[in-house]
Amino acid sequence: MVYHAVVVSTLLYGCETWTLYRRDLKKLEQFHERKLRQLLQINCEDHITNNAVLERGRTRSIEAIIIRH
């Protein structure tokens, strides 16, 4: 909950006004997934899909969050 309240809200500050390109969205998703894996202590050697990581973290993808805003 702290991650979502602090990191994600800071990361997406003002996203309603951005012109978002696919490459930018990809970088935001990579950052989001990497930080979630660190918080949940999941190694890339564990071979857990990104969707499973999002479910474990009880959050959505950055794209879904931006669309919601």
PDB file of N, CA and C in Angstrom:
ATOM      1  N   MET A   1       0.829  -1.194   0.000  1.00  0.00           N
ATOM      2  CA  MET A   1       0.000   0.000   0.000  1.00  0.00           C
ATOM      3  C   MET A   1       0.870   1.253   0.000  1.00  0.00           C
ATOM      4  N   VAL A   2       1.976   1.212   0.734  1.00  0.00           N
ATOM      5  CA  VAL A   2       2.871   2.365   0.774  1.00  0.00           C
ATOM      6  C   VAL A   2       3.500   2.575  -0.602  1.00  0.00           C
ATOM      7  N   TYR A   3       3.881   1.468  -1.248  1.00  0.00           N
ATOM      8  CA  TYR A   3       4.452   1.558  -2.597  1.00  0.00           C
ATOM      9  C   TYR A   3       3.486   2.260  -3.539  1.00  0.00           C
ATOM     10  N   HIS A   4       2.245   1.850  -3.499  1.00  0.00           N
ATOM     11  CA  HIS A   4       1.254   2.432  -4.397  1.00  0.00           C
ATOM     12  C   HIS A   4       1.008   3.900  -4.045  1.00  0.00           C
ATOM     13  N   ALA A   5       0.944   4.204  -2.772  1.00  0.00           N
ATOM     14  CA  ALA A   5       0.648   5.569  -2.347  1.00  0.00           C
ATOM     15  C   ALA A   5       1.791   6.535  -2.636  1.00  0.00           C
ATOM     16  N   VAL A   6       3.018   6.070  -2.491  1.00  0.00           N
ATOM     17  CA  VAL A   6       4.154   6.978  -2.639  1.00  0.00           C
ATOM     18  C   VAL A   6       4.794   6.868  -4.025  1.00  0.00           C
ATOM     19  N   VAL A   7       5.224   5.685  -4.392  1.00  0.00           N
ATOM     20  CA  VAL A   7       6.004   5.520  -5.619  1.00  0.00           C
ATOM     21  C   VAL A   7       5.144   5.680  -6.866  1.00  0.00           C
ATOM     22  N   VAL A   8       4.054   4.958  -6.938  1.00  0.00           N
ATOM     23  CA  VAL A   8       3.225   4.999  -8.141  1.00  0.00           C
ATOM     24  C   VAL A   8       2.604   6.378  -8.320  1.00  0.00           C
ATOM     25  N   SER A   9       2.138   6.991  -7.246  1.00  0.00           N
ATOM     26  CA  SER A   9       1.534   8.314  -7.381  1.00  0.00           C
ATOM     27  C   SER A   9       2.567   9.352  -7.814  1.00  0.00           C
ATOM     28  N   THR A  10       3.804   9.235  -7.340  1.00  0.00           N
ATOM     29  CA  THR A  10       4.868  10.140  -7.761  1.00  0.00           C
ATOM     30  C   THR A  10       5.268   9.872  -9.209  1.00  0.00           C
ATOM     31  N   LEU A  11       5.348   8.599  -9.561  1.00  0.00           N
ATOM     32  CA  LEU A  11       5.732   8.203 -10.914  1.00  0.00           C
ATOM     33  C   LEU A  11       4.735   8.713 -11.955  1.00  0.00           C
ATOM     34  N   LEU A  12       3.475   8.707 -11.612  1.00  0.00           N
ATOM     35  CA  LEU A  12       2.431   9.068 -12.578  1.00  0.00           C
ATOM     36  C   LEU A  12       1.852  10.466 -12.357  1.00  0.00           C
ATOM     37  N   TYR A  13       2.548  11.294 -11.614  1.00  0.00           N
ATOM     38  CA  TYR A  13       2.051  12.641 -11.339  1.00  0.00           C
ATOM     39  C   TYR A  13       1.820  13.397 -12.652  1.00  0.00           C
ATOM     40  N   GLY A  14       0.636  13.869 -12.870  1.00  0.00           N
ATOM     41  CA  GLY A  14       0.303  14.644 -14.053  1.00  0.00           C
ATOM     42  C   GLY A  14       0.132  13.822 -15.316  1.00  0.00           C
ATOM     43  N   CYS A  15      -0.065  12.517 -15.189  1.00  0.00           N
ATOM     44  CA  CYS A  15      -0.134  11.653 -16.372  1.00  0.00           C
ATOM     45  C   CYS A  15      -1.324  11.978 -17.266  1.00  0.00           C
ATOM     46  N   GLU A  16      -2.300  12.686 -16.745  1.00  0.00           N
ATOM     47  CA  GLU A  16      -3.466  13.034 -17.550  1.00  0.00           C
ATOM     48  C   GLU A  16      -3.089  13.961 -18.703  1.00  0.00           C
ATOM     49  N   THR A  17      -2.005  14.699 -18.548  1.00  0.00           N
ATOM     50  CA  THR A  17      -1.629  15.690 -19.555  1.00  0.00           C
ATOM     51  C   THR A  17      -0.495  15.215 -20.454  1.00  0.00           C
ATOM     52  N   TRP A  18       0.045  14.025 -20.218  1.00  0.00           N
ATOM     53  CA  TRP A  18       1.175  13.519 -21.001  1.00  0.00           C
ATOM     54  C   TRP A  18       0.734  13.101 -22.394  1.00  0.00           C
ATOM     55  N   THR A  19       1.656  13.232 -23.343  1.00  0.00           N
ATOM     56  CA  THR A  19       1.534  12.550 -24.619  1.00  0.00           C
ATOM     57  C   THR A  19       2.359  11.285 -24.445  1.00  0.00           C
ATOM     58  N   LEU A  20       1.693  10.177 -24.301  1.00  0.00           N
ATOM     59  CA  LEU A  20       2.359   8.937 -23.937  1.00  0.00           C
ATOM     60  C   LEU A  20       2.624   8.081 -25.169  1.00  0.00           C
ATOM     61  N   TYR A  21       3.891   7.804 -25.396  1.00  0.00           N
ATOM     62  CA  TYR A  21       4.293   6.944 -26.500  1.00  0.00           C
ATOM     63  C   TYR A  21       4.515   5.530 -25.978  1.00  0.00           C
ATOM     64  N   ARG A  22       4.487   4.576 -26.865  1.00  0.00           N
ATOM     65  CA  ARG A  22       4.638   3.167 -26.496  1.00  0.00           C
ATOM     66  C   ARG A  22       5.968   2.935 -25.770  1.00  0.00           C
ATOM     67  N   ARG A  23       7.052   3.558 -26.225  1.00  0.00           N
ATOM     68  CA  ARG A  23       8.361   3.354 -25.587  1.00  0.00           C
ATOM     69  C   ARG A  23       8.363   3.895 -24.149  1.00  0.00           C
ATOM     70  N   ASP A  24       7.651   4.995 -23.925  1.00  0.00           N
ATOM     71  CA  ASP A  24       7.560   5.558 -22.576  1.00  0.00           C
ATOM     72  C   ASP A  24       6.756   4.637 -21.666  1.00  0.00           C
ATOM     73  N   LEU A  25       5.672   4.121 -22.196  1.00  0.00           N
ATOM     74  CA  LEU A  25       4.840   3.198 -21.427  1.00  0.00           C
ATOM     75  C   LEU A  25       5.615   1.936 -21.076  1.00  0.00           C
ATOM     76  N   LYS A  26       6.407   1.457 -22.005  1.00  0.00           N
ATOM     77  CA  LYS A  26       7.209   0.260 -21.771  1.00  0.00           C
ATOM     78  C   LYS A  26       8.219   0.492 -20.638  1.00  0.00           C
ATOM     79  N   LYS A  27       8.857   1.659 -20.621  1.00  0.00           N
ATOM     80  CA  LYS A  27       9.816   1.970 -19.556  1.00  0.00           C
ATOM     81  C   LYS A  27       9.127   2.103 -18.199  1.00  0.00           C
ATOM     82  N   LEU A  28       7.953   2.702 -18.181  1.00  0.00           N
ATOM     83  CA  LEU A  28       7.194   2.816 -16.931  1.00  0.00           C
ATOM     84  C   LEU A  28       6.793   1.435 -16.418  1.00  0.00           C
ATOM     85  N   GLU A  29       6.348   0.556 -17.322  1.00  0.00           N
ATOM     86  CA  GLU A  29       5.972  -0.812 -16.938  1.00  0.00           C
ATOM     87  C   GLU A  29       7.175  -1.578 -16.397  1.00  0.00           C
ATOM     88  N   GLN A  30       8.325  -1.439 -17.045  1.00  0.00           N
ATOM     89  CA  GLN A  30       9.528  -2.129 -16.594  1.00  0.00           C
ATOM     90  C   GLN A  30       9.918  -1.685 -15.188  1.00  0.00           C
ATOM     91  N   PHE A  31       9.871  -0.383 -14.947  1.00  0.00           N
ATOM     92  CA  PHE A  31      10.200   0.126 -13.622  1.00  0.00           C
ATOM     93  C   PHE A  31       9.228  -0.420 -12.581  1.00  0.00           C
ATOM     94  N   HIS A  32       7.947  -0.382 -12.898  1.00  0.00           N
ATOM     95  CA  HIS A  32       6.896  -0.847 -11.983  1.00  0.00           C
ATOM     96  C   HIS A  32       7.082  -2.331 -11.645  1.00  0.00           C
ATOM     97  N   GLU A  33       7.305  -3.142 -12.657  1.00  0.00           N
ATOM     98  CA  GLU A  33       7.471  -4.579 -12.443  1.00  0.00           C
ATOM     99  C   GLU A  33       8.749  -4.891 -11.672  1.00  0.00           C
ATOM    100  N   ARG A  34       9.829  -4.175 -11.985  1.00  0.00           N
ATOM    101  CA  ARG A  34      11.094  -4.401 -11.280  1.00  0.00           C
ATOM    102  C   ARG A  34      10.967  -4.066  -9.795  1.00  0.00           C
ATOM    103  N   LYS A  35      10.320  -2.956  -9.473  1.00  0.00           N
ATOM    104  CA  LYS A  35      10.157  -2.561  -8.071  1.00  0.00           C
ATOM    105  C   LYS A  35       9.216  -3.508  -7.327  1.00  0.00           C
ATOM    106  N   LEU A  36       8.173  -3.965  -7.998  1.00  0.00           N
ATOM    107  CA  LEU A  36       7.282  -4.936  -7.355  1.00  0.00           C
ATOM    108  C   LEU A  36       8.030  -6.230  -7.052  1.00  0.00           C
ATOM    109  N   ARG A  37       8.843  -6.687  -7.994  1.00  0.00           N
ATOM    110  CA  ARG A  37       9.623  -7.909  -7.766  1.00  0.00           C
ATOM    111  C   ARG A  37      10.589  -7.730  -6.599  1.00  0.00           C
ATOM    112  N   GLN A  38      11.191  -6.548  -6.481  1.00  0.00           N
ATOM    113  CA  GLN A  38      12.096  -6.289  -5.359  1.00  0.00           C
ATOM    114  C   GLN A  38      11.339  -6.299  -4.038  1.00  0.00           C
ATOM    115  N   LEU A  39      10.193  -5.657  -3.999  1.00  0.00           N
ATOM    116  CA  LEU A  39       9.404  -5.608  -2.773  1.00  0.00           C
ATOM    117  C   LEU A  39       8.891  -6.985  -2.361  1.00  0.00           C
ATOM    118  N   LEU A  40       8.508  -7.788  -3.353  1.00  0.00           N
ATOM    119  CA  LEU A  40       7.982  -9.124  -3.067  1.00  0.00           C
ATOM    120  C   LEU A  40       9.084 -10.177  -2.980  1.00  0.00           C
ATOM    121  N   GLN A  41      10.327  -9.744  -3.153  1.00  0.00           N
ATOM    122  CA  GLN A  41      11.505 -10.612  -3.086  1.00  0.00           C
ATOM    123  C   GLN A  41      11.404 -11.783  -4.061  1.00  0.00           C
ATOM    124  N   ILE A  42      11.118 -11.453  -5.309  1.00  0.00           N
ATOM    125  CA  ILE A  42      11.019 -12.445  -6.373  1.00  0.00           C
ATOM    126  C   ILE A  42      12.213 -12.261  -7.296  1.00  0.00           C
ATOM    127  N   ASN A  43      12.984 -13.297  -7.479  1.00  0.00           N
ATOM    128  CA  ASN A  43      14.116 -13.258  -8.407  1.00  0.00           C
ATOM    129  C   ASN A  43      13.633 -13.530  -9.819  1.00  0.00           C
ATOM    130  N   CYS A  44      14.387 -13.054 -10.805  1.00  0.00           N
ATOM    131  CA  CYS A  44      14.019 -13.370 -12.191  1.00  0.00           C
ATOM    132  C   CYS A  44      14.267 -14.840 -12.489  1.00  0.00           C
ATOM    133  N   GLU A  45      15.047 -15.502 -11.667  1.00  0.00           N
ATOM    134  CA  GLU A  45      15.297 -16.935 -11.839  1.00  0.00           C
ATOM    135  C   GLU A  45      14.091 -17.773 -11.422  1.00  0.00           C
ATOM    136  N   ASP A  46      13.132 -17.165 -10.718  1.00  0.00           N
ATOM    137  CA  ASP A  46      11.942 -17.883 -10.257  1.00  0.00           C
ATOM    138  C   ASP A  46      10.944 -18.139 -11.377  1.00  0.00           C
ATOM    139  N   HIS A  47      11.104 -17.466 -12.515  1.00  0.00           N
ATOM    140  CA  HIS A  47      10.247 -17.629 -13.689  1.00  0.00           C
ATOM    141  C   HIS A  47       8.766 -17.430 -13.356  1.00  0.00           C
ATOM    142  N   ILE A  48       8.478 -16.298 -12.734  1.00  0.00           N
ATOM    143  CA  ILE A  48       7.095 -15.930 -12.416  1.00  0.00           C
ATOM    144  C   ILE A  48       6.671 -14.853 -13.409  1.00  0.00           C
ATOM    145  N   THR A  49       5.513 -15.015 -14.002  1.00  0.00           N
ATOM    146  CA  THR A  49       5.052 -14.065 -15.015  1.00  0.00           C
ATOM    147  C   THR A  49       4.744 -12.706 -14.396  1.00  0.00           C
ATOM    148  N   ASN A  50       4.730 -11.695 -15.248  1.00  0.00           N
ATOM    149  CA  ASN A  50       4.428 -10.346 -14.779  1.00  0.00           C
ATOM    150  C   ASN A  50       3.001 -10.254 -14.249  1.00  0.00           C
ATOM    151  N   ASN A  51       2.077 -10.971 -14.860  1.00  0.00           N
ATOM    152  CA  ASN A  51       0.694 -10.974 -14.368  1.00  0.00           C
ATOM    153  C   ASN A  51       0.607 -11.572 -12.970  1.00  0.00           C
ATOM    154  N   ALA A  52       1.379 -12.628 -12.715  1.00  0.00           N
ATOM    155  CA  ALA A  52       1.383 -13.235 -11.388  1.00  0.00           C
ATOM    156  C   ALA A  52       1.985 -12.283 -10.360  1.00  0.00           C
ATOM    157  N   VAL A  53       2.993 -11.525 -10.764  1.00  0.00           N
ATOM    158  CA  VAL A  53       3.600 -10.538  -9.857  1.00  0.00           C
ATOM    159  C   VAL A  53       2.587  -9.451  -9.522  1.00  0.00           C
ATOM    160  N   LEU A  54       1.840  -8.995 -10.525  1.00  0.00           N
ATOM    161  CA  LEU A  54       0.814  -7.980 -10.274  1.00  0.00           C
ATOM    162  C   LEU A  54      -0.273  -8.505  -9.344  1.00  0.00           C
ATOM    163  N   GLU A  55      -0.647  -9.762  -9.504  1.00  0.00           N
ATOM    164  CA  GLU A  55      -1.644 -10.361  -8.619  1.00  0.00           C
ATOM    165  C   GLU A  55      -1.122 -10.476  -7.197  1.00  0.00           C
ATOM    166  N   ARG A  56       0.133 -10.897  -7.042  1.00  0.00           N
ATOM    167  CA  ARG A  56       0.720 -10.998  -5.700  1.00  0.00           C
ATOM    168  C   ARG A  56       0.820  -9.638  -5.041  1.00  0.00           C
ATOM    169  N   GLY A  57       1.123  -8.615  -5.836  1.00  0.00           N
ATOM    170  CA  GLY A  57       1.236  -7.258  -5.310  1.00  0.00           C
ATOM    171  C   GLY A  57      -0.095  -6.563  -5.158  1.00  0.00           C
ATOM    172  N   ARG A  58      -1.165  -7.227  -5.598  1.00  0.00           N
ATOM    173  CA  ARG A  58      -2.528  -6.686  -5.535  1.00  0.00           C
ATOM    174  C   ARG A  58      -2.610  -5.297  -6.169  1.00  0.00           C
ATOM    175  N   THR A  59      -2.065  -5.200  -7.365  1.00  0.00           N
ATOM    176  CA  THR A  59      -2.080  -3.936  -8.087  1.00  0.00           C
ATOM    177  C   THR A  59      -2.351  -4.190  -9.558  1.00  0.00           C
ATOM    178  N   ARG A  60      -2.431  -3.131 -10.322  1.00  0.00           N
ATOM    179  CA  ARG A  60      -2.677  -3.210 -11.754  1.00  0.00           C
ATOM    180  C   ARG A  60      -1.425  -2.791 -12.513  1.00  0.00           C
ATOM    181  N   SER A  61      -1.469  -2.969 -13.803  1.00  0.00           N
ATOM    182  CA  SER A  61      -0.359  -2.511 -14.633  1.00  0.00           C
ATOM    183  C   SER A  61      -0.400  -0.987 -14.710  1.00  0.00           C
ATOM    184  N   ILE A  62       0.722  -0.404 -15.067  1.00  0.00           N
ATOM    185  CA  ILE A  62       0.800   1.053 -15.185  1.00  0.00           C
ATOM    186  C   ILE A  62      -0.172   1.542 -16.277  1.00  0.00           C
ATOM    187  N   GLU A  63      -0.280   0.791 -17.369  1.00  0.00           N
ATOM    188  CA  GLU A  63      -1.185   1.167 -18.440  1.00  0.00           C
ATOM    189  C   GLU A  63      -2.625   1.245 -17.941  1.00  0.00           C
ATOM    190  N   ALA A  64      -3.038   0.279 -17.146  1.00  0.00           N
ATOM    191  CA  ALA A  64      -4.398   0.277 -16.611  1.00  0.00           C
ATOM    192  C   ALA A  64      -4.608   1.451 -15.646  1.00  0.00           C
ATOM    193  N   ILE A  65      -3.595   1.775 -14.877  1.00  0.00           N
ATOM    194  CA  ILE A  65      -3.696   2.888 -13.926  1.00  0.00           C
ATOM    195  C   ILE A  65      -3.813   4.210 -14.688  1.00  0.00           C
ATOM    196  N   ILE A  66      -3.010   4.363 -15.753  1.00  0.00           N
ATOM    197  CA  ILE A  66      -3.043   5.608 -16.542  1.00  0.00           C
ATOM    198  C   ILE A  66      -4.402   5.747 -17.239  1.00  0.00           C
ATOM    199  N   ILE A  67      -4.906   4.659 -17.796  1.00  0.00           N
ATOM    200  CA  ILE A  67      -6.208   4.714 -18.457  1.00  0.00           C
ATOM    201  C   ILE A  67      -7.298   5.113 -17.466  1.00  0.00           C
ATOM    202  N   ARG A  68      -7.193   4.605 -16.254  1.00  0.00           N
ATOM    203  CA  ARG A  68      -8.183   4.929 -15.220  1.00  0.00           C
ATOM    204  C   ARG A  68      -8.146   6.416 -14.856  1.00  0.00           C
ATOM    205  N   HIS A  69      -6.956   7.002 -14.873  1.00  0.00           N
ATOM    206  CA  HIS A  69      -6.851   8.427 -14.571  1.00  0.00           C
ATOM    207  C   HIS A  69      -7.431   9.240 -15.704  1.00  0.00           C
TER     208      HIS A  69
END
